[in-house]
Amino acid sequence: MNSSTAETFKRATLYFNGQHYRAAARVLSGIVDVAPRNLAVRMLLARSYYYSAQFTKAEKELKHILRTEPNDPHAHLLLGRSLERLGRTAEAGPHLRLADAMTAWDLIVV
């Protein structure tokens, strides 16, 4: 990410943290155009879409993330929740179960 893109990402993060999810999504979608492999940008974009009830767009971004990073429990959780909101509970189930199984290990103290 160049310095201009990094500054734009910081602005998008401020929008997101201020719960201005649609504004964050608008800014982040522009960054994805210039840095399509940056998964941190894509995840924040997916979260922005999710929290602004743009579930179809969130689904698209989350599926892209999971093609690259199939072991991301947060992406599975958000995809499952997005699919639920879209009324596609049968498709949501496997993602929600995976997210649950992946994060269950975080609770185990060795």
N, C-alpha and C. Protein backbone atom coordinates (compact mmCIF):
# COMPACT_ATOMS: atom_id res chain seq x y z
N MET A 1 0.85 -1.17 0.00
CA MET A 1 0.00 0.00 0.00
C MET A 1 0.90 1.24 0.00
N ASN A 2 0.65 2.15 -0.90
CA ASN A 2 1.43 3.39 -0.90
C ASN A 2 0.88 4.32 0.18
N SER A 3 1.57 5.44 0.41
CA SER A 3 1.19 6.32 1.52
C SER A 3 -0.20 6.94 1.31
N SER A 4 -0.56 7.23 0.07
CA SER A 4 -1.89 7.78 -0.20
C SER A 4 -2.97 6.75 0.12
N THR A 5 -2.72 5.51 -0.28
CA THR A 5 -3.68 4.44 -0.01
C THR A 5 -3.76 4.18 1.49
N ALA A 6 -2.62 4.24 2.17
CA ALA A 6 -2.60 4.03 3.62
C ALA A 6 -3.41 5.11 4.33
N GLU A 7 -3.29 6.35 3.88
CA GLU A 7 -4.07 7.44 4.47
C GLU A 7 -5.56 7.24 4.22
N THR A 8 -5.89 6.78 3.03
CA THR A 8 -7.29 6.52 2.69
C THR A 8 -7.83 5.39 3.57
N PHE A 9 -7.01 4.37 3.81
CA PHE A 9 -7.41 3.26 4.68
C PHE A 9 -7.64 3.77 6.10
N LYS A 10 -6.77 4.65 6.58
CA LYS A 10 -6.96 5.23 7.92
C LYS A 10 -8.28 5.98 8.00
N ARG A 11 -8.61 6.72 6.94
CA ARG A 11 -9.88 7.46 6.91
C ARG A 11 -11.06 6.48 6.95
N ALA A 12 -10.96 5.40 6.18
CA ALA A 12 -12.02 4.39 6.17
C ALA A 12 -12.17 3.75 7.54
N THR A 13 -11.05 3.51 8.20
CA THR A 13 -11.08 2.93 9.54
C THR A 13 -11.77 3.87 10.53
N LEU A 14 -11.50 5.16 10.39
CA LEU A 14 -12.17 6.14 11.24
C LEU A 14 -13.68 6.13 10.99
N TYR A 15 -14.08 6.06 9.72
CA TYR A 15 -15.51 5.96 9.41
C TYR A 15 -16.10 4.71 10.06
N PHE A 16 -15.40 3.59 9.91
CA PHE A 16 -15.90 2.33 10.46
C PHE A 16 -16.03 2.43 11.99
N ASN A 17 -14.97 2.90 12.63
CA ASN A 17 -14.99 3.01 14.09
C ASN A 17 -16.04 3.99 14.58
N GLY A 18 -16.39 4.96 13.75
CA GLY A 18 -17.45 5.90 14.09
C GLY A 18 -18.84 5.41 13.69
N GLN A 19 -18.91 4.16 13.27
CA GLN A 19 -20.15 3.49 12.87
C GLN A 19 -20.79 4.12 11.64
N HIS A 20 -19.96 4.69 10.78
CA HIS A 20 -20.41 5.21 9.49
C HIS A 20 -20.03 4.16 8.44
N TYR A 21 -20.74 3.05 8.49
CA TYR A 21 -20.35 1.86 7.73
C TYR A 21 -20.49 2.04 6.22
N ARG A 22 -21.51 2.73 5.78
CA ARG A 22 -21.66 2.95 4.33
C ARG A 22 -20.54 3.84 3.79
N ALA A 23 -20.17 4.85 4.54
CA ALA A 23 -19.06 5.72 4.12
C ALA A 23 -17.76 4.92 4.09
N ALA A 24 -17.55 4.09 5.09
CA ALA A 24 -16.35 3.25 5.11
C ALA A 24 -16.33 2.33 3.90
N ALA A 25 -17.46 1.74 3.58
CA ALA A 25 -17.54 0.82 2.43
C ALA A 25 -17.22 1.54 1.13
N ARG A 26 -17.73 2.75 0.98
CA ARG A 26 -17.44 3.52 -0.25
C ARG A 26 -15.94 3.76 -0.41
N VAL A 27 -15.31 4.16 0.68
CA VAL A 27 -13.86 4.43 0.63
C VAL A 27 -13.09 3.13 0.40
N LEU A 28 -13.44 2.09 1.12
CA LEU A 28 -12.72 0.82 1.02
C LEU A 28 -12.87 0.16 -0.34
N SER A 29 -14.02 0.30 -0.97
CA SER A 29 -14.18 -0.31 -2.29
C SER A 29 -13.20 0.29 -3.29
N GLY A 30 -12.88 1.56 -3.13
CA GLY A 30 -11.87 2.18 -3.98
C GLY A 30 -10.48 1.64 -3.72
N ILE A 31 -10.19 1.33 -2.46
CA ILE A 31 -8.88 0.77 -2.12
C ILE A 31 -8.75 -0.65 -2.68
N VAL A 32 -9.82 -1.42 -2.61
CA VAL A 32 -9.79 -2.78 -3.14
C VAL A 32 -9.48 -2.77 -4.63
N ASP A 33 -9.94 -1.74 -5.32
CA ASP A 33 -9.65 -1.63 -6.75
C ASP A 33 -8.16 -1.50 -7.02
N VAL A 34 -7.43 -0.81 -6.15
CA VAL A 34 -5.99 -0.62 -6.36
C VAL A 34 -5.14 -1.62 -5.60
N ALA A 35 -5.69 -2.27 -4.59
CA ALA A 35 -4.95 -3.26 -3.80
C ALA A 35 -5.83 -4.49 -3.59
N PRO A 36 -6.16 -5.22 -4.67
CA PRO A 36 -7.12 -6.31 -4.57
C PRO A 36 -6.67 -7.50 -3.72
N ARG A 37 -5.38 -7.62 -3.47
CA ARG A 37 -4.88 -8.76 -2.69
C ARG A 37 -4.76 -8.48 -1.20
N ASN A 38 -5.05 -7.26 -0.80
CA ASN A 38 -4.92 -6.89 0.60
C ASN A 38 -6.15 -7.39 1.37
N LEU A 39 -5.95 -8.47 2.12
CA LEU A 39 -7.07 -9.10 2.83
C LEU A 39 -7.57 -8.27 4.01
N ALA A 40 -6.70 -7.46 4.61
CA ALA A 40 -7.15 -6.60 5.71
C ALA A 40 -8.15 -5.57 5.20
N VAL A 41 -7.88 -5.02 4.03
CA VAL A 41 -8.80 -4.06 3.42
C VAL A 41 -10.10 -4.76 3.08
N ARG A 42 -10.00 -5.95 2.47
CA ARG A 42 -11.21 -6.69 2.08
C ARG A 42 -12.05 -7.08 3.30
N MET A 43 -11.39 -7.45 4.40
CA MET A 43 -12.15 -7.83 5.60
C MET A 43 -12.87 -6.63 6.18
N LEU A 44 -12.20 -5.48 6.23
CA LEU A 44 -12.88 -4.29 6.74
C LEU A 44 -14.02 -3.88 5.80
N LEU A 45 -13.83 -4.07 4.50
CA LEU A 45 -14.91 -3.80 3.55
C LEU A 45 -16.08 -4.75 3.79
N ALA A 46 -15.78 -6.03 3.97
CA ALA A 46 -16.84 -7.01 4.23
C ALA A 46 -17.59 -6.66 5.52
N ARG A 47 -16.85 -6.29 6.55
CA ARG A 47 -17.49 -5.90 7.82
C ARG A 47 -18.34 -4.65 7.64
N SER A 48 -17.84 -3.71 6.85
CA SER A 48 -18.62 -2.49 6.58
C SER A 48 -19.91 -2.82 5.86
N TYR A 49 -19.83 -3.70 4.87
CA TYR A 49 -21.04 -4.14 4.17
C TYR A 49 -22.00 -4.85 5.14
N TYR A 50 -21.46 -5.73 5.96
CA TYR A 50 -22.30 -6.47 6.90
C TYR A 50 -23.03 -5.51 7.86
N TYR A 51 -22.28 -4.61 8.47
CA TYR A 51 -22.89 -3.71 9.46
C TYR A 51 -23.80 -2.66 8.84
N SER A 52 -23.70 -2.47 7.53
CA SER A 52 -24.62 -1.55 6.86
C SER A 52 -25.72 -2.32 6.13
N ALA A 53 -25.89 -3.59 6.48
CA ALA A 53 -26.95 -4.46 5.96
C ALA A 53 -26.88 -4.64 4.44
N GLN A 54 -25.68 -4.62 3.89
CA GLN A 54 -25.47 -4.91 2.47
C GLN A 54 -24.93 -6.35 2.39
N PHE A 55 -25.79 -7.28 2.71
CA PHE A 55 -25.37 -8.66 2.92
C PHE A 55 -24.89 -9.36 1.65
N THR A 56 -25.46 -9.04 0.52
CA THR A 56 -25.01 -9.66 -0.74
C THR A 56 -23.58 -9.21 -1.06
N LYS A 57 -23.30 -7.95 -0.86
CA LYS A 57 -21.94 -7.45 -1.08
C LYS A 57 -20.97 -8.05 -0.06
N ALA A 58 -21.42 -8.18 1.19
CA ALA A 58 -20.58 -8.80 2.22
C ALA A 58 -20.27 -10.24 1.83
N GLU A 59 -21.28 -10.94 1.35
CA GLU A 59 -21.09 -12.34 0.93
C GLU A 59 -20.01 -12.43 -0.14
N LYS A 60 -20.07 -11.57 -1.13
CA LYS A 60 -19.09 -11.59 -2.22
C LYS A 60 -17.67 -11.39 -1.69
N GLU A 61 -17.48 -10.40 -0.83
CA GLU A 61 -16.15 -10.13 -0.29
C GLU A 61 -15.67 -11.28 0.60
N LEU A 62 -16.55 -11.81 1.41
CA LEU A 62 -16.16 -12.88 2.33
C LEU A 62 -15.80 -14.15 1.57
N LYS A 63 -16.52 -14.44 0.51
CA LYS A 63 -16.16 -15.61 -0.31
C LYS A 63 -14.80 -15.42 -0.96
N HIS A 64 -14.50 -14.19 -1.37
CA HIS A 64 -13.18 -13.91 -1.94
C HIS A 64 -12.10 -14.14 -0.87
N ILE A 65 -12.33 -13.64 0.32
CA ILE A 65 -11.37 -13.81 1.41
C ILE A 65 -11.16 -15.29 1.70
N LEU A 66 -12.24 -16.06 1.75
CA LEU A 66 -12.13 -17.47 2.10
C LEU A 66 -11.48 -18.30 1.00
N ARG A 67 -11.53 -17.84 -0.25
CA ARG A 67 -10.78 -18.54 -1.31
C ARG A 67 -9.28 -18.41 -1.07
N THR A 68 -8.88 -17.28 -0.52
CA THR A 68 -7.47 -17.03 -0.25
C THR A 68 -7.05 -17.54 1.12
N GLU A 69 -7.92 -17.37 2.09
CA GLU A 69 -7.63 -17.71 3.48
C GLU A 69 -8.77 -18.55 4.05
N PRO A 70 -8.82 -19.84 3.69
CA PRO A 70 -9.97 -20.68 4.09
C PRO A 70 -10.08 -20.97 5.58
N ASN A 71 -9.04 -20.67 6.35
CA ASN A 71 -9.07 -20.95 7.78
C ASN A 71 -9.33 -19.70 8.62
N ASP A 72 -9.98 -18.71 8.05
CA ASP A 72 -10.28 -17.48 8.78
C ASP A 72 -11.64 -17.63 9.47
N PRO A 73 -11.65 -17.84 10.79
CA PRO A 73 -12.93 -18.06 11.48
C PRO A 73 -13.85 -16.85 11.44
N HIS A 74 -13.28 -15.65 11.47
CA HIS A 74 -14.12 -14.46 11.44
C HIS A 74 -14.83 -14.33 10.09
N ALA A 75 -14.13 -14.66 9.01
CA ALA A 75 -14.75 -14.62 7.68
C ALA A 75 -15.87 -15.64 7.59
N HIS A 76 -15.66 -16.84 8.15
CA HIS A 76 -16.72 -17.85 8.14
C HIS A 76 -17.92 -17.38 8.95
N LEU A 77 -17.66 -16.79 10.11
CA LEU A 77 -18.75 -16.31 10.96
C LEU A 77 -19.56 -15.23 10.24
N LEU A 78 -18.87 -14.23 9.68
CA LEU A 78 -19.59 -13.16 9.00
C LEU A 78 -20.32 -13.66 7.76
N LEU A 79 -19.71 -14.60 7.05
CA LEU A 79 -20.40 -15.16 5.89
C LEU A 79 -21.65 -15.91 6.32
N GLY A 80 -21.52 -16.71 7.37
CA GLY A 80 -22.69 -17.42 7.88
C GLY A 80 -23.79 -16.48 8.32
N ARG A 81 -23.43 -15.44 9.03
CA ARG A 81 -24.43 -14.46 9.49
C ARG A 81 -25.05 -13.71 8.31
N SER A 82 -24.23 -13.38 7.31
CA SER A 82 -24.76 -12.70 6.12
C SER A 82 -25.75 -13.60 5.39
N LEU A 83 -25.41 -14.86 5.24
CA LEU A 83 -26.31 -15.79 4.57
C LEU A 83 -27.60 -15.97 5.36
N GLU A 84 -27.49 -15.99 6.68
CA GLU A 84 -28.71 -16.04 7.51
C GLU A 84 -29.60 -14.84 7.23
N ARG A 85 -29.01 -13.66 7.20
CA ARG A 85 -29.80 -12.44 6.97
C ARG A 85 -30.43 -12.43 5.59
N LEU A 86 -29.80 -13.15 4.65
CA LEU A 86 -30.35 -13.26 3.30
C LEU A 86 -31.38 -14.39 3.20
N GLY A 87 -31.66 -15.05 4.34
CA GLY A 87 -32.65 -16.12 4.36
C GLY A 87 -32.13 -17.45 3.82
N ARG A 88 -30.82 -17.61 3.78
CA ARG A 88 -30.21 -18.82 3.22
C ARG A 88 -29.54 -19.61 4.34
N THR A 89 -30.38 -20.05 5.29
CA THR A 89 -29.87 -20.69 6.51
C THR A 89 -29.16 -22.01 6.23
N ALA A 90 -29.60 -22.75 5.24
CA ALA A 90 -28.93 -24.02 4.93
C ALA A 90 -27.49 -23.77 4.48
N GLU A 91 -27.26 -22.71 3.72
CA GLU A 91 -25.91 -22.37 3.29
C GLU A 91 -25.09 -21.78 4.44
N ALA A 92 -25.76 -21.14 5.37
CA ALA A 92 -25.07 -20.50 6.49
C ALA A 92 -24.52 -21.52 7.47
N GLY A 93 -25.23 -22.62 7.67
CA GLY A 93 -24.87 -23.61 8.69
C GLY A 93 -23.43 -24.07 8.67
N PRO A 94 -22.92 -24.53 7.54
CA PRO A 94 -21.53 -25.01 7.53
C PRO A 94 -20.52 -23.93 7.93
N HIS A 95 -20.75 -22.71 7.51
CA HIS A 95 -19.82 -21.63 7.85
C HIS A 95 -19.87 -21.31 9.34
N LEU A 96 -21.06 -21.32 9.90
CA LEU A 96 -21.20 -21.04 11.33
C LEU A 96 -20.58 -22.16 12.16
N ARG A 97 -20.76 -23.41 11.73
CA ARG A 97 -20.15 -24.53 12.45
C ARG A 97 -18.63 -24.48 12.37
N LEU A 98 -18.11 -24.14 11.19
CA LEU A 98 -16.65 -24.01 11.05
C LEU A 98 -16.11 -22.91 11.95
N ALA A 99 -16.76 -21.78 11.95
CA ALA A 99 -16.31 -20.67 12.80
C ALA A 99 -16.32 -21.08 14.26
N ASP A 100 -17.36 -21.79 14.67
CA ASP A 100 -17.46 -22.25 16.05
C ASP A 100 -16.34 -23.23 16.38
N ALA A 101 -16.11 -24.18 15.49
CA ALA A 101 -15.06 -25.17 15.72
C ALA A 101 -13.68 -24.52 15.75
N MET A 102 -13.46 -23.57 14.89
CA MET A 102 -12.14 -22.92 14.81
C MET A 102 -11.86 -22.07 16.05
N THR A 103 -12.88 -21.46 16.60
CA THR A 103 -12.66 -20.59 17.76
C THR A 103 -12.76 -21.35 19.07
N ALA A 104 -13.28 -22.56 19.07
CA ALA A 104 -13.39 -23.35 20.29
C ALA A 104 -12.01 -23.60 20.88
N TRP A 105 -11.00 -23.74 20.04
CA TRP A 105 -9.64 -23.99 20.51
C TRP A 105 -9.10 -22.80 21.29
N ASP A 106 -9.61 -21.61 21.02
CA ASP A 106 -9.16 -20.42 21.75
C ASP A 106 -9.55 -20.49 23.22
N LEU A 107 -10.57 -21.29 23.53
CA LEU A 107 -11.07 -21.37 24.89
C LEU A 107 -10.34 -22.39 25.73
N ILE A 108 -9.57 -23.26 25.08
CA ILE A 108 -8.86 -24.31 25.78
C ILE A 108 -7.56 -23.75 26.34
N VAL A 109 -7.38 -23.95 27.64
CA VAL A 109 -6.15 -23.50 28.29
C VAL A 109 -5.27 -24.73 28.50
N VAL A 110 -4.06 -24.64 28.03
CA VAL A 110 -3.13 -25.77 28.16
C VAL A 110 -2.27 -25.58 29.37
